[in-house]
Amino acid sequence: MNTAFLLFLIIVLGTLVITYYAAKKTKTANEFYTAGGGLTGWQNGLAIAGDYMSAASFLGIAGMIALFGFDGFFYSIGFLVAYLVVLYLVAEPLRNLGKYTMADMIAARFDNKKIRGVAALNSIVISIFYMIAQLVGAGALISLLIPGLDYTASVLIVGVLMTVYVVFGGMTATSWVQIIKCVLLVAGTFIISLIVFAKFNFNIGHMFDEMRTATPLKEAFLNPGNKFANGLDTLSLNLALVLGTAGLPHILIRFFTVKDAPTARKSVVVATWIIGLFYVMTLFLGFGAAAFVGNDVIVQANAAGNMAAPLLARALGGEFLFAFVSAVAFATILAVVAGLVLAAASAFAHDFYGHIIRKGNVREKEQVRAARLASVGVAVISILLALFAQKLNVAFLVALAFAVAASANLPVLVFTVFWKRFNTTGAVTGMLIGLISALVLVAVSPNVWDPVAGKAIFVGTPLISLTNPGIISIPLGFLGAFIGTYFSSKRDDAKFDEILVKANTGIRELV
């Protein structure tokens, strides 16, 4: 039994033990969805960071920087800056107005089944989109860990494990898996970064000078334009990254796991520092992989570059470091997919089943059972879709999920709290136009269609040149909400003042 596989088993057994003990504390809907709201700011901050630093961060960005240089670092910058939007616009209002899901926040102002249904649909679609990226990374990683195991079997292994965590342990198990994974990931990344920095004599200037000749791109490696030659495409990507986090369901539900808004705000501050440190270190991962692993070896292991970080660990520290980093990457994927499954299952069970189908008349046990069944359904759909996306870079796949989140969710979240004229029609229109436009633009983009066989999902000519739809779909989401509001005669401003006070103070009952 090789070291990598042994550490892989230790990670799996450890997380299953966490799930076993969490299952004993997960009986009610509140415990299943929010871990009873009992996490501290530090704990939730670590869990948010663990939830956010996904396979895209560790595997995809390292590979993107190694293969394309500066353009890969756009992802690191965008992912980090995004938390300023979360901190200043979303965290407190969401915690003060919501209960279990994003739809709860919107329903606090507009008690309408259509709004709740569309918000739940958005959450499920975005979660599945994001989950595909994690499963693609998992498939590539386990195939490297266990020679001879094919991609399909690898994806199935992760799919089964993530379903077990959520079905039995709910948010408690998911949170602690994310906390432990965060600590391991930052520690592993720091060790590799330190070794890489030592190879360059702890001199940043020397490192950059060396990288001018270390890759086939030569001087161009340190300049933009290697991956994103179109400036409009670059702007579109960054818009999606910066604005998308504030609309991601699996991040938003984390603010319900703490007792109040100040704790939620502290969670974001803690998470931002951890995430900032990590994304600075992705530069060392990418540069190190380019210099000490090499372009050809990275592409041979995985055409999209997803295995750059584990291969760098092997090149620098031998089989043990490779095994440790691979096991941490696996824990990373497990933690994130568990959070995604939980977000989608919560949206279905709490919003669709509990409020639309059962009209709010649902028992605790019944709602938890529905959430567990929904977890299985979401996992099956995600696994099937991931089997068709094997050749795509996971950082890119996540960027698409961010575009959908920024287009479909962010406009409604912002307008609900800050625009008095906003109404039910505008909310439904904004969410649907944002969601549909993003999905349609992705479907006709170069990511899905390419004249060269094997470079995309289908062979053919794309209808648009943008690889990320954010620059079109995000304004369309806001525009849809604006037009829907003004073309409707419905007035929904009666609760606006109350919502504004509650969103900013946390006061639940106003005299």
Protein backbone atom coordinates (compact mmCIF):
# COMPACT_ATOMS: atom_id res chain seq x y z
CA MET A 1 0.00 0.00 0.00
CA ASN A 2 1.59 3.32 -1.09
CA THR A 3 1.87 6.32 1.24
CA ALA A 4 -0.55 8.45 -0.77
CA PHE A 5 -3.28 5.84 -0.61
CA LEU A 6 -2.69 5.32 3.14
CA LEU A 7 -3.08 9.04 3.88
CA PHE A 8 -6.11 9.07 1.61
CA LEU A 9 -7.69 6.34 3.77
CA ILE A 10 -6.81 8.20 6.98
CA ILE A 11 -8.58 11.32 5.65
CA VAL A 12 -11.65 9.30 4.71
CA LEU A 13 -11.81 7.47 8.06
CA GLY A 14 -11.27 10.69 10.00
CA THR A 15 -14.09 12.48 8.23
CA LEU A 16 -16.39 9.49 8.68
CA VAL A 17 -15.70 9.54 12.45
CA ILE A 18 -16.64 13.25 12.49
CA THR A 19 -19.83 12.42 10.62
CA TYR A 20 -20.69 9.63 13.09
CA TYR A 21 -20.49 11.95 16.09
CA ALA A 22 -22.22 14.80 14.24
CA ALA A 23 -25.10 12.47 13.32
CA LYS A 24 -25.89 12.07 17.03
CA LYS A 25 -26.40 15.86 17.28
CA THR A 26 -28.37 16.26 14.06
CA LYS A 27 -32.03 15.62 14.81
CA THR A 28 -33.87 18.88 14.10
CA ALA A 29 -34.05 21.04 10.95
CA ASN A 30 -32.10 23.80 12.72
CA GLU A 31 -29.28 21.37 13.56
CA PHE A 32 -29.28 19.90 10.05
CA TYR A 33 -29.23 23.24 8.20
CA THR A 34 -27.20 25.49 10.54
CA ALA A 35 -25.51 23.29 13.19
CA GLY A 36 -27.87 24.96 15.68
CA GLY A 37 -26.24 28.35 15.04
CA GLY A 38 -23.60 27.44 17.60
CA LEU A 39 -20.33 28.12 15.76
CA THR A 40 -18.05 30.93 16.98
CA GLY A 41 -16.69 33.62 14.69
CA TRP A 42 -13.31 31.91 14.46
CA GLN A 43 -14.81 28.51 13.80
CA ASN A 44 -17.14 29.83 11.13
CA GLY A 45 -14.34 31.91 9.60
CA LEU A 46 -12.21 28.79 9.25
CA ALA A 47 -15.19 26.89 7.85
CA ILE A 48 -15.94 29.64 5.32
CA ALA A 49 -12.31 29.64 4.21
CA GLY A 50 -12.40 25.85 4.02
CA ASP A 51 -15.59 26.01 1.99
CA TYR A 52 -14.19 28.67 -0.34
CA MET A 53 -10.66 27.36 -0.95
CA SER A 54 -11.83 24.62 -3.25
CA ALA A 55 -10.30 22.34 -5.85
CA ALA A 56 -10.35 25.38 -8.13
CA SER A 57 -8.08 27.23 -5.72
CA PHE A 58 -5.59 24.51 -4.91
CA LEU A 59 -5.55 22.51 -8.13
CA GLY A 60 -6.97 24.77 -10.82
CA ILE A 61 -5.24 28.07 -10.02
CA ALA A 62 -1.84 26.46 -9.47
CA GLY A 63 -2.18 24.77 -12.87
CA MET A 64 -3.45 27.92 -14.54
CA ILE A 65 -0.49 29.99 -13.26
CA ALA A 66 1.97 27.25 -14.18
CA LEU A 67 0.68 27.04 -17.75
CA PHE A 68 -0.32 30.65 -18.46
CA GLY A 69 1.53 32.79 -15.94
CA PHE A 70 0.00 36.16 -15.07
CA ASP A 71 -3.44 35.31 -16.45
CA GLY A 72 -3.78 32.47 -13.95
CA PHE A 73 -3.23 34.89 -11.08
CA PHE A 74 -6.39 36.78 -12.10
CA TYR A 75 -8.32 34.02 -10.32
CA SER A 76 -6.40 34.54 -7.07
CA ILE A 77 -7.00 38.30 -7.14
CA GLY A 78 -10.69 37.99 -8.00
CA PHE A 79 -11.45 35.33 -5.38
CA LEU A 80 -9.85 37.45 -2.64
CA VAL A 81 -11.36 40.84 -3.53
CA ALA A 82 -14.79 39.18 -3.65
CA TYR A 83 -14.90 39.03 0.15
CA LEU A 84 -15.03 42.81 0.40
CA VAL A 85 -18.36 42.65 -1.41
CA VAL A 86 -19.54 39.92 0.95
CA LEU A 87 -18.39 41.85 4.03
CA TYR A 88 -19.95 45.20 3.15
CA LEU A 89 -23.11 44.21 1.29
CA VAL A 90 -24.29 40.73 2.18
CA ALA A 91 -23.09 39.16 5.45
CA GLU A 92 -25.06 41.18 8.04
CA PRO A 93 -28.35 41.66 6.13
CA LEU A 94 -28.42 37.98 5.24
CA ARG A 95 -27.85 36.86 8.84
CA ASN A 96 -30.36 39.35 10.23
CA LEU A 97 -33.16 38.60 7.76
CA GLY A 98 -32.69 34.93 6.93
CA LYS A 99 -33.05 31.66 8.76
CA TYR A 100 -31.79 28.70 6.72
CA THR A 101 -31.44 29.74 3.05
CA MET A 102 -30.94 32.75 0.78
CA ALA A 103 -34.64 32.59 -0.15
CA ASP A 104 -35.52 33.29 3.51
CA MET A 105 -33.85 36.70 3.26
CA ILE A 106 -35.82 37.70 0.16
CA ALA A 107 -39.04 36.23 1.59
CA ALA A 108 -38.61 38.42 4.68
CA ARG A 109 -39.67 41.31 2.46
CA PHE A 110 -41.68 39.52 -0.26
CA ASP A 111 -43.69 36.63 1.16
CA ASN A 112 -44.33 35.11 -2.26
CA LYS A 113 -44.09 31.47 -3.38
CA LYS A 114 -42.79 32.37 -6.85
CA ILE A 115 -39.86 34.28 -5.40
CA ARG A 116 -39.00 31.48 -2.99
CA GLY A 117 -39.27 28.89 -5.78
CA VAL A 118 -37.05 30.78 -8.22
CA ALA A 119 -34.48 31.56 -5.50
CA ALA A 120 -34.36 27.87 -4.60
CA LEU A 121 -33.97 26.93 -8.27
CA ASN A 122 -31.02 29.33 -8.58
CA SER A 123 -29.38 27.83 -5.49
CA ILE A 124 -29.70 24.30 -6.82
CA VAL A 125 -28.40 25.15 -10.32
CA ILE A 126 -25.42 27.15 -9.01
CA SER A 127 -24.53 24.45 -6.47
CA ILE A 128 -24.58 21.74 -9.12
CA PHE A 129 -22.51 23.88 -11.51
CA TYR A 130 -19.91 24.45 -8.79
CA MET A 131 -19.95 20.82 -7.74
CA ILE A 132 -19.06 19.62 -11.22
CA ALA A 133 -15.74 21.47 -10.88
CA GLN A 134 -14.96 19.77 -7.57
CA LEU A 135 -15.79 16.32 -8.93
CA VAL A 136 -13.63 16.87 -12.02
CA GLY A 137 -10.71 17.75 -9.73
CA ALA A 138 -11.45 14.74 -7.55
CA GLY A 139 -11.50 12.39 -10.52
CA ALA A 140 -8.12 13.59 -11.75
CA LEU A 141 -6.60 13.53 -8.26
CA ILE A 142 -7.69 10.04 -7.21
CA SER A 143 -6.60 8.64 -10.59
CA LEU A 144 -3.12 10.01 -9.78
CA LEU A 145 -3.23 8.67 -6.21
CA ILE A 146 -4.38 5.19 -7.20
CA PRO A 147 -2.83 4.15 -10.53
CA GLY A 148 -5.21 2.04 -12.57
CA LEU A 149 -8.38 3.56 -11.12
CA ASP A 150 -10.27 5.30 -13.89
CA TYR A 151 -11.91 8.74 -13.80
CA THR A 152 -15.47 7.41 -13.53
CA ALA A 153 -14.70 5.28 -10.49
CA SER A 154 -12.88 8.21 -8.86
CA VAL A 155 -15.86 10.53 -9.28
CA LEU A 156 -18.20 7.88 -7.89
CA ILE A 157 -16.03 7.43 -4.77
CA VAL A 158 -16.16 11.16 -3.96
CA GLY A 159 -19.85 11.34 -4.82
CA VAL A 160 -20.72 8.60 -2.35
CA LEU A 161 -18.59 10.06 0.44
CA MET A 162 -19.97 13.60 0.10
CA THR A 163 -23.51 12.23 0.20
CA VAL A 164 -22.77 10.29 3.40
CA TYR A 165 -21.42 13.42 5.16
CA VAL A 166 -24.51 15.47 4.41
CA VAL A 167 -27.19 12.81 4.80
CA PHE A 168 -25.99 11.73 8.23
CA GLY A 169 -24.04 14.67 9.67
CA GLY A 170 -25.73 17.74 8.19
CA MET A 171 -24.12 21.14 8.79
CA THR A 172 -22.25 20.05 11.94
CA ALA A 173 -20.25 17.38 10.11
CA THR A 174 -19.81 19.59 7.07
CA SER A 175 -18.49 22.50 9.17
CA TRP A 176 -15.91 20.46 11.07
CA VAL A 177 -14.69 18.73 7.92
CA GLN A 178 -14.22 22.21 6.42
CA ILE A 179 -12.39 23.54 9.50
CA ILE A 180 -9.94 20.63 9.61
CA LYS A 181 -9.44 20.77 5.85
CA CYS A 182 -8.72 24.52 6.03
CA VAL A 183 -5.96 24.04 8.59
CA LEU A 184 -4.40 21.18 6.60
CA LEU A 185 -4.63 23.03 3.29
CA VAL A 186 -3.02 26.24 4.55
CA ALA A 187 -0.29 24.23 6.31
CA GLY A 188 0.44 22.13 3.21
CA THR A 189 0.47 25.15 0.92
CA PHE A 190 2.76 27.04 3.31
CA ILE A 191 5.26 24.17 3.39
CA ILE A 192 5.42 23.96 -0.41
CA SER A 193 5.63 27.74 -0.78
CA LEU A 194 8.49 27.89 1.71
CA ILE A 195 10.42 25.20 -0.18
CA VAL A 196 9.82 26.96 -3.51
CA PHE A 197 10.91 30.30 -2.04
CA ALA A 198 14.05 28.65 -0.66
CA LYS A 199 14.86 27.37 -4.16
CA PHE A 200 14.91 31.01 -5.26
CA ASN A 201 17.12 31.99 -2.29
CA PHE A 202 14.20 33.74 -0.54
CA ASN A 203 14.45 36.53 -3.10
CA ILE A 204 11.25 37.65 -4.86
CA GLY A 205 13.17 39.58 -7.52
CA HIS A 206 15.33 36.55 -8.28
CA MET A 207 12.22 34.37 -8.55
CA PHE A 208 10.64 36.66 -11.13
CA ASP A 209 13.90 36.90 -13.08
CA GLU A 210 14.17 33.11 -13.21
CA MET A 211 10.60 32.74 -14.44
CA ARG A 212 11.38 34.82 -17.52
CA THR A 213 13.19 31.82 -19.00
CA ALA A 214 11.68 28.88 -17.08
CA THR A 215 8.70 28.17 -19.35
CA PRO A 216 7.99 27.91 -23.10
CA LEU A 217 6.28 31.32 -22.82
CA LYS A 218 9.60 32.99 -21.86
CA GLU A 219 9.14 36.73 -21.11
CA ALA A 220 5.43 36.53 -21.91
CA PHE A 221 4.91 34.33 -18.83
CA LEU A 222 4.94 37.41 -16.58
CA ASN A 223 2.62 39.43 -18.81
CA PRO A 224 -1.16 39.26 -19.33
CA GLY A 225 -2.66 37.90 -22.54
CA ASN A 226 -1.46 34.28 -22.61
CA LYS A 227 -4.84 32.82 -21.65
CA PHE A 228 -7.14 35.81 -22.04
CA ALA A 229 -6.07 37.61 -25.19
CA ASN A 230 -9.39 39.43 -25.32
CA GLY A 231 -9.50 42.33 -22.85
CA LEU A 232 -13.27 42.13 -22.71
CA ASP A 233 -13.03 38.48 -21.71
CA THR A 234 -10.59 39.37 -18.93
CA LEU A 235 -12.93 42.05 -17.60
CA SER A 236 -15.83 39.60 -17.78
CA LEU A 237 -13.94 37.00 -15.79
CA ASN A 238 -12.97 39.46 -13.06
CA LEU A 239 -16.51 40.81 -12.75
CA ALA A 240 -17.76 37.27 -12.21
CA LEU A 241 -15.08 36.48 -9.63
CA VAL A 242 -15.47 39.68 -7.61
CA LEU A 243 -19.29 39.76 -7.58
CA GLY A 244 -20.06 36.04 -7.70
CA THR A 245 -19.08 35.08 -4.15
CA ALA A 246 -21.89 37.24 -2.74
CA GLY A 247 -24.38 35.05 -4.59
CA LEU A 248 -22.97 31.59 -3.91
CA PRO A 249 -25.52 29.55 -1.90
CA HIS A 250 -22.98 27.38 -0.06
CA ILE A 251 -21.16 30.51 1.19
CA LEU A 252 -24.35 32.38 2.09
CA ILE A 253 -25.77 29.60 4.26
CA ARG A 254 -22.63 29.68 6.41
CA PHE A 255 -23.81 32.98 7.95
CA PHE A 256 -26.74 31.16 9.56
CA THR A 257 -24.39 28.91 11.57
CA VAL A 258 -23.53 31.72 14.04
CA LYS A 259 -25.67 33.35 16.70
CA ASP A 260 -25.84 36.94 15.39
CA ALA A 261 -24.73 39.47 12.77
CA PRO A 262 -21.58 40.73 14.62
CA THR A 263 -20.36 37.12 14.76
CA ALA A 264 -21.15 36.73 11.06
CA ARG A 265 -19.10 39.86 10.34
CA LYS A 266 -16.21 38.51 12.41
CA SER A 267 -16.44 35.27 10.43
CA VAL A 268 -15.92 37.17 7.19
CA VAL A 269 -12.92 39.08 8.57
CA VAL A 270 -11.26 35.85 9.78
CA ALA A 271 -12.01 34.10 6.49
CA THR A 272 -10.65 37.04 4.45
CA TRP A 273 -7.27 36.98 6.24
CA ILE A 274 -6.92 33.22 5.81
CA ILE A 275 -8.03 33.33 2.18
CA GLY A 276 -5.70 36.27 1.47
CA LEU A 277 -2.71 34.39 2.84
CA PHE A 278 -3.61 31.32 0.83
CA TYR A 279 -4.09 33.11 -2.50
CA VAL A 280 -0.75 34.90 -2.17
CA MET A 281 0.82 31.45 -1.82
CA THR A 282 -0.81 30.20 -5.05
CA LEU A 283 1.79 32.34 -6.82
CA PHE A 284 4.53 30.16 -5.35
CA LEU A 285 2.64 27.00 -6.29
CA GLY A 286 2.22 28.10 -9.89
CA PHE A 287 5.75 29.44 -10.33
CA GLY A 288 7.22 26.39 -8.60
CA ALA A 289 5.28 23.97 -10.80
CA ALA A 290 6.34 25.82 -13.95
CA ALA A 291 10.01 25.89 -12.90
CA PHE A 292 10.51 22.52 -11.21
CA VAL A 293 7.90 20.25 -12.82
CA GLY A 294 7.72 21.67 -16.33
CA ASN A 295 5.00 22.41 -18.84
CA ASP A 296 5.15 19.02 -20.60
CA VAL A 297 4.89 16.94 -17.42
CA ILE A 298 1.97 19.03 -16.11
CA VAL A 299 0.03 18.72 -19.36
CA GLN A 300 0.80 15.00 -19.64
CA ALA A 301 -0.67 14.34 -16.18
CA ASN A 302 -3.76 16.45 -16.90
CA ALA A 303 -4.29 18.57 -20.01
CA ALA A 304 -5.99 21.33 -18.02
CA GLY A 305 -3.13 21.58 -15.51
CA ASN A 306 -5.16 20.39 -12.51
CA MET A 307 -2.35 18.20 -11.15
CA ALA A 308 0.34 20.90 -11.03
CA ALA A 309 0.33 21.28 -7.22
CA PRO A 310 0.60 17.56 -6.35
CA LEU A 311 3.31 17.10 -9.00
CA LEU A 312 5.22 20.05 -7.54
CA ALA A 313 5.02 18.45 -4.09
CA ARG A 314 6.48 15.24 -5.53
CA ALA A 315 9.29 17.12 -7.29
CA LEU A 316 10.24 19.04 -4.13
CA GLY A 317 9.63 16.57 -1.31
CA GLY A 318 9.37 13.11 -2.80
CA GLU A 319 6.56 10.63 -2.30
CA PHE A 320 5.67 11.61 1.26
CA LEU A 321 5.05 15.29 0.49
CA PHE A 322 3.20 14.24 -2.66
CA ALA A 323 1.06 11.91 -0.58
CA PHE A 324 0.35 14.58 2.05
CA VAL A 325 -0.56 17.25 -0.50
CA SER A 326 -2.73 14.86 -2.49
CA ALA A 327 -4.56 13.77 0.65
CA VAL A 328 -5.10 17.41 1.64
CA ALA A 329 -6.39 18.17 -1.86
CA PHE A 330 -8.78 15.27 -1.50
CA ALA A 331 -9.96 16.60 1.88
CA THR A 332 -10.41 19.98 0.19
CA ILE A 333 -12.73 18.49 -2.40
CA LEU A 334 -14.71 16.48 0.15
CA ALA A 335 -15.29 19.53 2.35
CA VAL A 336 -16.45 21.76 -0.50
CA VAL A 337 -18.73 19.24 -2.17
CA ALA A 338 -20.37 18.47 1.18
CA GLY A 339 -21.16 22.18 1.58
CA LEU A 340 -22.55 22.35 -1.95
CA VAL A 341 -24.77 19.32 -1.49
CA LEU A 342 -26.07 20.79 1.77
CA ALA A 343 -26.84 24.16 0.11
CA ALA A 344 -28.78 22.53 -2.72
CA ALA A 345 -30.59 20.11 -0.41
CA SER A 346 -31.55 22.96 1.96
CA ALA A 347 -33.00 24.95 -0.93
CA PHE A 348 -35.08 22.00 -2.07
CA ALA A 349 -36.28 20.74 1.32
CA HIS A 350 -36.80 24.07 3.10
CA ASP A 351 -37.98 26.23 0.20
CA PHE A 352 -39.56 23.94 -2.40
CA TYR A 353 -40.88 21.18 -0.18
CA GLY A 354 -41.48 22.98 3.12
CA HIS A 355 -42.88 26.30 1.89
CA ILE A 356 -44.28 25.65 -1.59
CA ILE A 357 -45.47 22.03 -1.59
CA ARG A 358 -46.41 21.78 2.10
CA LYS A 359 -47.21 25.52 2.52
CA GLY A 360 -45.20 25.76 5.72
CA ASN A 361 -47.09 22.90 7.40
CA VAL A 362 -44.24 20.44 7.69
CA ARG A 363 -42.88 18.61 10.73
CA GLU A 364 -39.20 18.79 11.69
CA LYS A 365 -38.50 15.13 10.96
CA GLU A 366 -40.30 15.32 7.65
CA GLN A 367 -38.26 18.32 6.52
CA VAL A 368 -34.97 16.70 7.53
CA ARG A 369 -35.97 13.52 5.67
CA ALA A 370 -36.74 15.57 2.56
CA ALA A 371 -33.34 17.29 2.82
CA ARG A 372 -31.56 13.95 3.07
CA LEU A 373 -33.37 12.57 0.03
CA ALA A 374 -32.62 15.78 -1.87
CA SER A 375 -28.92 15.35 -1.00
CA VAL A 376 -28.90 12.00 -2.76
CA GLY A 377 -30.67 13.43 -5.81
CA VAL A 378 -28.30 16.40 -6.13
CA ALA A 379 -25.27 14.13 -5.79
CA VAL A 380 -26.48 11.79 -8.55
CA ILE A 381 -27.13 14.68 -10.99
CA SER A 382 -23.74 16.26 -10.26
CA ILE A 383 -21.88 12.99 -10.75
CA LEU A 384 -23.54 12.35 -14.11
CA LEU A 385 -22.70 15.85 -15.37
CA ALA A 386 -19.10 15.66 -14.09
CA LEU A 387 -18.47 12.59 -16.23
CA PHE A 388 -18.75 14.81 -19.34
CA ALA A 389 -16.45 17.59 -18.09
CA GLN A 390 -13.23 15.68 -17.46
CA LYS A 391 -11.04 17.78 -19.78
CA LEU A 392 -12.00 21.20 -18.42
CA ASN A 393 -9.86 23.21 -15.96
CA VAL A 394 -11.56 23.31 -12.57
CA ALA A 395 -10.73 26.98 -11.95
CA PHE A 396 -12.51 27.85 -15.17
CA LEU A 397 -15.57 25.75 -14.23
CA VAL A 398 -15.85 27.52 -10.89
CA ALA A 399 -15.56 30.91 -12.60
CA LEU A 400 -18.64 30.00 -14.63
CA ALA A 401 -20.53 29.15 -11.43
CA PHE A 402 -19.50 32.56 -10.07
CA ALA A 403 -20.92 34.24 -13.19
CA VAL A 404 -24.26 32.50 -12.73
CA ALA A 405 -24.34 33.44 -9.02
CA ALA A 406 -23.50 37.09 -9.69
CA SER A 407 -26.11 37.30 -12.46
CA ALA A 408 -28.98 35.46 -10.81
CA ASN A 409 -28.66 36.13 -7.06
CA LEU A 410 -26.67 39.29 -6.36
CA PRO A 411 -29.06 41.81 -8.02
CA VAL A 412 -32.02 40.57 -5.97
CA LEU A 413 -30.08 40.45 -2.71
CA VAL A 414 -28.90 44.05 -3.16
CA PHE A 415 -32.24 45.46 -4.30
CA THR A 416 -34.18 43.68 -1.54
CA VAL A 417 -32.30 45.62 1.13
CA PHE A 418 -31.43 48.89 -0.61
CA TRP A 419 -34.23 49.76 -3.09
CA LYS A 420 -37.64 50.79 -1.78
CA ARG A 421 -39.41 50.65 -5.17
CA PHE A 422 -38.30 47.04 -5.77
CA ASN A 423 -41.19 44.56 -5.98
CA THR A 424 -42.11 40.90 -6.45
CA THR A 425 -42.19 41.05 -10.24
CA GLY A 426 -38.75 42.66 -10.35
CA ALA A 427 -37.32 39.98 -8.05
CA VAL A 428 -38.64 37.08 -10.14
CA THR A 429 -37.68 38.74 -13.44
CA GLY A 430 -34.18 39.60 -12.25
CA MET A 431 -33.44 36.11 -10.98
CA LEU A 432 -34.77 34.35 -14.08
CA ILE A 433 -33.12 36.66 -16.61
CA GLY A 434 -29.81 36.47 -14.74
CA LEU A 435 -29.93 32.68 -14.54
CA ILE A 436 -31.13 32.00 -18.09
CA SER A 437 -28.83 34.53 -19.77
CA ALA A 438 -25.76 33.14 -17.98
CA LEU A 439 -26.61 29.53 -18.83
CA VAL A 440 -27.45 30.31 -22.47
CA LEU A 441 -24.26 32.31 -22.97
CA VAL A 442 -22.19 29.50 -21.46
CA ALA A 443 -23.96 26.98 -23.73
CA VAL A 444 -22.94 28.87 -26.91
CA SER A 445 -19.43 29.82 -25.73
CA PRO A 446 -15.98 28.42 -26.67
CA ASN A 447 -16.04 26.35 -23.46
CA VAL A 448 -18.76 24.13 -24.88
CA TRP A 449 -18.01 24.42 -28.62
CA ASP A 450 -14.64 24.27 -30.37
CA PRO A 451 -13.76 23.42 -33.97
CA VAL A 452 -10.91 21.21 -32.73
CA ALA A 453 -12.00 17.84 -31.32
CA GLY A 454 -11.15 17.31 -27.66
CA LYS A 455 -10.76 20.97 -26.68
CA ALA A 456 -14.37 21.42 -25.57
CA ILE A 457 -17.42 19.30 -24.86
CA PHE A 458 -18.73 19.50 -28.44
CA VAL A 459 -17.08 20.00 -31.84
CA GLY A 460 -18.39 23.12 -33.60
CA THR A 461 -18.13 26.89 -33.89
CA PRO A 462 -19.13 28.92 -30.79
CA LEU A 463 -21.64 31.72 -31.29
CA ILE A 464 -19.77 34.12 -28.96
CA SER A 465 -16.06 34.57 -28.23
CA LEU A 466 -16.39 35.22 -24.49
CA THR A 467 -15.27 32.32 -22.30
CA ASN A 468 -17.00 33.86 -19.27
CA PRO A 469 -20.46 35.46 -19.70
CA GLY A 470 -20.29 37.76 -16.65
CA ILE A 471 -19.90 41.08 -18.48
CA ILE A 472 -23.19 40.44 -20.29
CA SER A 473 -25.22 38.33 -17.88
CA ILE A 474 -24.53 40.35 -14.69
CA PRO A 475 -25.85 43.65 -16.12
CA LEU A 476 -28.78 41.69 -17.59
CA GLY A 477 -29.62 40.38 -14.11
CA PHE A 478 -29.70 43.90 -12.67
CA LEU A 479 -31.53 45.23 -15.73
CA GLY A 480 -34.12 42.45 -15.52
CA ALA A 481 -34.84 43.31 -11.88
CA PHE A 482 -35.05 47.02 -12.72
CA ILE A 483 -37.33 46.64 -15.76
CA GLY A 484 -39.52 44.03 -14.06
CA THR A 485 -40.10 46.45 -11.19
CA TYR A 486 -40.97 49.46 -13.35
CA PHE A 487 -43.25 47.58 -15.76
CA SER A 488 -45.26 46.19 -12.87
CA SER A 489 -47.93 48.18 -11.09
CA LYS A 490 -47.51 46.08 -7.93
CA ARG A 491 -46.30 47.96 -4.87
CA ASP A 492 -44.23 46.03 -2.33
CA ASP A 493 -42.67 48.87 -0.34
CA ALA A 494 -44.83 48.53 2.80
CA LYS A 495 -42.20 46.48 4.62
CA PHE A 496 -39.13 48.29 3.26
CA ASP A 497 -38.46 50.50 6.32
CA GLU A 498 -38.91 47.54 8.63
CA ILE A 499 -36.56 45.39 6.53
CA LEU A 500 -33.96 48.16 6.39
CA VAL A 501 -33.89 48.41 10.19
CA LYS A 502 -33.82 44.65 10.69
CA ALA A 503 -31.08 44.16 8.07
CA ASN A 504 -28.79 46.66 9.76
CA THR A 505 -29.58 46.11 13.44
CA GLY A 506 -30.75 42.52 13.78
CA ILE A 507 -33.87 43.61 15.67
CA ARG A 508 -36.50 40.99 14.93
CA GLU A 509 -39.61 42.68 16.29
CA LEU A 510 -40.31 46.37 15.80
CA VAL A 511 -42.76 48.22 18.08
